[in-house]
Amino acid sequence: MDDASLRADMIEGLEHQIGEPIEPPVLTALQRVPRDPFVDDSPRNGVDGDDPHSLSLPTLVRLITALDAEEGDSVLVVGAGVGYSVAMLAEIAGARRVHAVDIDRSAVHAARSNLDAAGYGAVLVDRADGADGLPAYAPYDRILLETAVVEPPRSLREQLASGGRIVYPRGAGVQTVAAIEPSPAADSAPGEDPAPAGFETVETHGPARLQPMLVDGEQPGAERNRTRREDAERAERGRQRRHGWEQDWIDWDERL
């Protein structure tokens, strides 16, 4: 089968899984973004693996559809992954309008390489703690979290432009894709809406299942227990500190 037929079959299967037609901007992005640079043999790193923690295509489509980005919107993606969803948003909003951050250096390297190979090298991908966002380029019209949280961190909410939207997988375990927008009424009328104060939930889709957001020091291979991690860091600093005759020699003639 040629590439066009494979894409048509993929899109038809996606619509069947999602249960409804794919929105035109997202559909166009699916049709235009080449998949080969982003496909990896490892399910965890790919875009359509069987690993429950990977970003499956149905979940990706739900996230980007809920984001409702338009051409010219400034977009921040938290959790660059392999870069496929970032490329789709670059196709929708424009490559120079899309920024992505990831706390994992290897993910940043992979996303940059894949985006460049796919023709979206103008996208900025930076290594940063996603909870801090990317304040240098704020405010953002749209912020997409590709990691699960109970609610978006305050820094991200503060980097959202007036009238903007944040989309994220809400909850632990099996999550719901939630889209929230600022709402002054939400401050004065708290209710059952799990959106943070000052925001209201405008859309929900589901289900989704993504890894929880990591903080600095919780990347793969790092000690996740904070106390043990801090003890190890202090011990390493003590080991590297100079003692006694290891200190630099003082030239007293020059001091006197």
Protein backbone atom coordinates (compact mmCIF):
# COMPACT_ATOMS: atom_id res chain seq x y z
CA MET A 1 0.00 0.00 0.00
CA ASP A 2 1.18 3.54 -0.71
CA ASP A 3 1.61 6.17 1.98
CA ALA A 4 -1.72 7.88 1.22
CA SER A 5 -3.62 4.61 1.62
CA LEU A 6 -1.82 3.81 4.87
CA ARG A 7 -2.69 7.25 6.24
CA ALA A 8 -6.32 6.87 5.19
CA ASP A 9 -6.54 3.51 6.96
CA MET A 10 -4.86 4.95 10.07
CA ILE A 11 -7.28 7.89 10.21
CA GLU A 12 -10.29 5.64 9.66
CA GLY A 13 -9.14 3.40 12.51
CA LEU A 14 -8.59 6.44 14.75
CA GLU A 15 -12.09 7.75 14.10
CA HIS A 16 -13.48 4.33 14.95
CA GLN A 17 -11.54 4.26 18.24
CA ILE A 18 -12.50 7.82 19.15
CA GLY A 19 -16.12 7.31 18.12
CA GLU A 20 -16.50 10.52 16.10
CA PRO A 21 -15.01 12.33 13.08
CA ILE A 22 -11.68 14.06 13.64
CA GLU A 23 -11.84 17.88 13.61
CA PRO A 24 -10.56 19.43 10.31
CA PRO A 25 -7.38 21.14 11.70
CA VAL A 26 -6.31 17.97 13.53
CA LEU A 27 -7.18 15.83 10.51
CA THR A 28 -5.06 18.03 8.23
CA ALA A 29 -2.13 17.78 10.65
CA LEU A 30 -2.43 13.99 10.71
CA GLN A 31 -2.37 13.97 6.94
CA ARG A 32 0.63 16.29 6.60
CA VAL A 33 3.02 15.36 9.42
CA PRO A 34 5.31 12.48 8.37
CA ARG A 35 5.25 9.67 10.92
CA ASP A 36 8.49 7.89 10.07
CA PRO A 37 10.82 10.28 11.98
CA PHE A 38 8.77 9.79 15.15
CA VAL A 39 8.23 6.04 15.16
CA ASP A 40 10.46 4.16 17.60
CA ASP A 41 10.88 0.44 18.19
CA SER A 42 10.23 1.00 21.90
CA PRO A 43 6.51 1.27 22.77
CA ARG A 44 7.24 3.64 25.65
CA ASN A 45 9.01 6.06 23.31
CA GLY A 46 6.73 5.67 20.31
CA VAL A 47 3.46 7.41 19.48
CA ASP A 48 1.28 4.37 19.11
CA GLY A 49 2.68 1.61 21.32
CA ASP A 50 0.75 -0.78 23.54
CA ASP A 51 2.38 0.48 26.74
CA PRO A 52 -0.41 2.01 28.86
CA HIS A 53 1.87 4.93 29.78
CA SER A 54 2.76 5.85 26.19
CA LEU A 55 0.97 8.61 24.32
CA SER A 56 -1.36 6.59 22.09
CA LEU A 57 -2.75 8.16 18.93
CA PRO A 58 -6.35 8.28 20.21
CA THR A 59 -5.17 10.09 23.36
CA LEU A 60 -3.01 12.43 21.29
CA VAL A 61 -5.97 13.31 19.06
CA ARG A 62 -8.18 13.93 22.10
CA LEU A 63 -5.57 16.23 23.64
CA ILE A 64 -4.96 18.29 20.50
CA THR A 65 -8.68 18.47 19.66
CA ALA A 66 -9.46 19.75 23.16
CA LEU A 67 -6.63 22.31 22.89
CA ASP A 68 -8.46 23.94 19.95
CA ALA A 69 -5.36 25.78 18.71
CA GLU A 70 -5.54 28.04 15.68
CA GLU A 71 -3.01 29.44 13.23
CA GLY A 72 -0.90 32.11 14.95
CA ASP A 73 -1.62 30.94 18.51
CA SER A 74 1.37 30.84 20.85
CA VAL A 75 1.53 27.26 22.16
CA LEU A 76 3.52 25.65 24.99
CA VAL A 77 3.79 21.86 25.18
CA VAL A 78 4.92 20.38 28.51
CA GLY A 79 6.38 16.94 27.85
CA ALA A 80 7.97 16.94 24.40
CA GLY A 81 8.08 13.14 24.11
CA VAL A 82 9.28 12.11 20.66
CA GLY A 83 7.94 15.35 19.18
CA TYR A 84 5.00 14.01 17.15
CA SER A 85 2.28 16.00 18.92
CA VAL A 86 4.58 19.05 18.84
CA ALA A 87 4.88 18.65 15.07
CA MET A 88 1.09 18.42 14.72
CA LEU A 89 0.68 21.66 16.66
CA ALA A 90 3.42 23.27 14.55
CA GLU A 91 1.37 22.32 11.50
CA ILE A 92 -1.72 23.95 13.02
CA ALA A 93 -0.29 27.08 14.69
CA GLY A 94 3.01 27.55 12.85
CA ALA A 95 6.41 26.15 13.81
CA ARG A 96 7.75 29.43 15.20
CA ARG A 97 4.69 29.76 17.44
CA VAL A 98 5.21 26.43 19.21
CA HIS A 99 7.51 25.87 22.21
CA ALA A 100 8.08 22.61 24.06
CA VAL A 101 9.84 21.65 27.29
CA ASP A 102 10.81 18.33 28.80
CA ILE A 103 12.67 17.51 32.01
CA ASP A 104 14.40 14.51 30.39
CA ARG A 105 17.51 15.51 28.42
CA SER A 106 17.31 12.41 26.22
CA ALA A 107 13.71 13.26 25.30
CA VAL A 108 14.73 16.83 24.41
CA HIS A 109 17.49 15.51 22.15
CA ALA A 110 15.15 13.00 20.48
CA ALA A 111 12.40 15.56 19.95
CA ARG A 112 14.79 18.10 18.42
CA SER A 113 16.27 15.50 16.10
CA ASN A 114 12.88 14.12 15.03
CA LEU A 115 11.34 17.56 14.47
CA ASP A 116 14.31 18.65 12.38
CA ALA A 117 14.08 15.48 10.27
CA ALA A 118 10.35 16.05 9.75
CA GLY A 119 10.82 19.66 8.64
CA TYR A 120 9.81 21.43 11.87
CA GLY A 121 13.23 22.55 13.04
CA ALA A 122 11.92 26.04 13.83
CA VAL A 123 10.10 24.69 16.90
CA LEU A 124 11.89 25.56 20.14
CA VAL A 125 12.46 22.52 22.39
CA ASP A 126 14.13 23.26 25.71
CA ARG A 127 15.20 21.20 28.71
CA ALA A 128 13.28 22.55 31.71
CA ASP A 129 11.09 21.49 34.61
CA GLY A 130 7.61 21.45 33.11
CA ALA A 131 6.09 22.68 36.37
CA ASP A 132 7.94 25.98 35.81
CA GLY A 133 6.80 26.32 32.21
CA LEU A 134 8.83 28.58 29.92
CA PRO A 135 8.34 32.12 31.21
CA ALA A 136 10.75 33.72 28.71
CA TYR A 137 8.18 33.33 25.92
CA ALA A 138 4.96 33.75 27.92
CA PRO A 139 2.09 34.43 27.69
CA TYR A 140 0.71 31.46 25.76
CA ASP A 141 -2.68 31.19 24.09
CA ARG A 142 -2.64 27.43 24.56
CA ILE A 143 -0.78 25.19 27.03
CA LEU A 144 -0.78 21.42 26.60
CA LEU A 145 0.40 19.06 29.33
CA GLU A 146 1.32 15.59 28.15
CA THR A 147 1.81 14.43 31.73
CA ALA A 148 -0.91 13.74 34.28
CA VAL A 149 -1.61 16.17 37.14
CA VAL A 150 -4.44 16.77 39.56
CA GLU A 151 -4.35 20.41 38.47
CA PRO A 152 -1.86 22.43 36.39
CA PRO A 153 0.93 24.04 38.44
CA ARG A 154 0.49 27.70 39.36
CA SER A 155 3.43 28.80 37.16
CA LEU A 156 1.73 27.39 34.08
CA ARG A 157 -1.58 29.01 34.96
CA GLU A 158 0.17 32.35 35.36
CA GLN A 159 1.78 32.01 31.91
CA LEU A 160 -1.58 31.61 30.17
CA ALA A 161 -2.78 34.55 28.09
CA SER A 162 -6.14 36.16 28.74
CA GLY A 163 -8.77 34.02 27.08
CA GLY A 164 -6.34 31.12 26.77
CA ARG A 165 -6.83 27.42 27.42
CA ILE A 166 -4.93 24.68 29.25
CA VAL A 167 -5.45 21.01 28.39
CA TYR A 168 -4.13 18.20 30.58
CA PRO A 169 -4.76 14.58 31.64
CA ARG A 170 -6.53 15.04 35.00
CA GLY A 171 -6.15 12.58 37.86
CA ALA A 172 -4.13 9.49 38.73
CA GLY A 173 -4.27 6.06 37.11
CA VAL A 174 -6.81 6.33 34.30
CA GLN A 175 -7.32 10.03 33.67
CA THR A 176 -9.76 12.35 31.93
CA VAL A 177 -8.58 14.82 29.29
CA ALA A 178 -9.68 18.19 30.69
CA ALA A 179 -9.71 21.62 29.05
CA ILE A 180 -9.88 24.60 31.41
CA GLU A 181 -10.15 28.34 30.82
CA PRO A 182 -9.95 31.35 33.16
CA SER A 183 -13.30 32.30 34.68
CA PRO A 184 -13.81 35.12 37.22
CA ALA A 185 -17.05 33.44 38.30
CA ALA A 186 -15.11 30.34 39.41
CA ASP A 187 -13.56 32.33 42.29
CA SER A 188 -16.87 33.34 43.79
CA ALA A 189 -18.82 30.15 43.18
CA PRO A 190 -16.70 27.12 44.05
CA GLY A 191 -18.52 23.89 43.38
CA GLU A 192 -17.88 20.38 42.19
CA ASP A 193 -15.67 21.48 39.28
CA PRO A 194 -12.15 20.12 40.03
CA ALA A 195 -10.56 22.95 38.03
CA PRO A 196 -8.23 25.21 40.07
CA ALA A 197 -9.56 28.46 41.55
CA GLY A 198 -10.21 31.07 38.90
CA PHE A 199 -10.71 28.45 36.16
CA GLU A 200 -13.60 26.40 34.86
CA THR A 201 -13.67 23.11 32.97
CA VAL A 202 -15.00 23.69 29.47
CA GLU A 203 -14.43 20.22 27.96
CA THR A 204 -13.68 16.70 29.09
CA HIS A 205 -12.78 13.66 27.03
CA GLY A 206 -11.56 10.26 27.92
CA PRO A 207 -10.17 8.04 28.93
CA ALA A 208 -6.43 8.73 28.97
CA ARG A 209 -3.52 7.17 30.80
CA LEU A 210 -0.22 9.05 30.90
CA GLN A 211 2.70 9.15 33.28
CA PRO A 212 2.48 11.70 36.13
CA MET A 213 4.46 14.91 35.91
CA LEU A 214 8.01 14.56 37.23
CA VAL A 215 9.90 17.21 39.15
CA ASP A 216 13.60 17.88 38.77
CA GLY A 217 15.52 14.90 40.14
CA GLU A 218 12.83 12.35 39.26
CA GLN A 219 13.97 11.64 35.71
CA PRO A 220 14.60 8.00 34.76
CA GLY A 221 17.64 6.70 36.58
CA ALA A 222 17.53 9.31 39.36
CA GLU A 223 16.73 8.62 43.00
CA ARG A 224 13.03 9.37 43.50
CA ASN A 225 13.09 9.50 47.30
CA ARG A 226 13.82 13.14 48.17
CA THR A 227 15.54 12.46 51.51
CA ARG A 228 17.88 9.82 50.11
CA ARG A 229 18.57 12.00 47.07
CA GLU A 230 19.49 15.03 49.21
CA ASP A 231 21.67 12.89 51.52
CA ALA A 232 23.52 11.52 48.50
CA GLU A 233 24.04 15.01 47.07
CA ARG A 234 25.44 16.31 50.38
CA ALA A 235 27.76 13.32 50.67
CA GLU A 236 29.02 13.93 47.12
CA ARG A 237 29.66 17.61 47.84
CA GLY A 238 31.56 16.64 51.00
CA ARG A 239 33.65 14.10 49.09
CA GLN A 240 34.65 16.69 46.50
CA ARG A 241 35.50 19.40 49.04
CA ARG A 242 39.24 19.97 49.51
CA HIS A 243 40.80 19.21 52.89
CA GLY A 244 44.12 20.13 54.56
CA TRP A 245 47.10 20.00 52.20
CA GLU A 246 44.77 19.49 49.24
CA GLN A 247 43.85 23.17 49.44
CA ASP A 248 45.62 25.65 47.19
CA TRP A 249 49.03 26.72 48.54
CA ILE A 250 49.00 30.24 50.02
CA ASP A 251 51.89 32.46 48.95
CA TRP A 252 52.47 34.38 52.19
CA ASP A 253 55.19 36.55 50.64
CA GLU A 254 52.58 38.16 48.41
CA ARG A 255 50.09 38.54 51.26
CA LEU A 256 52.57 40.42 53.55
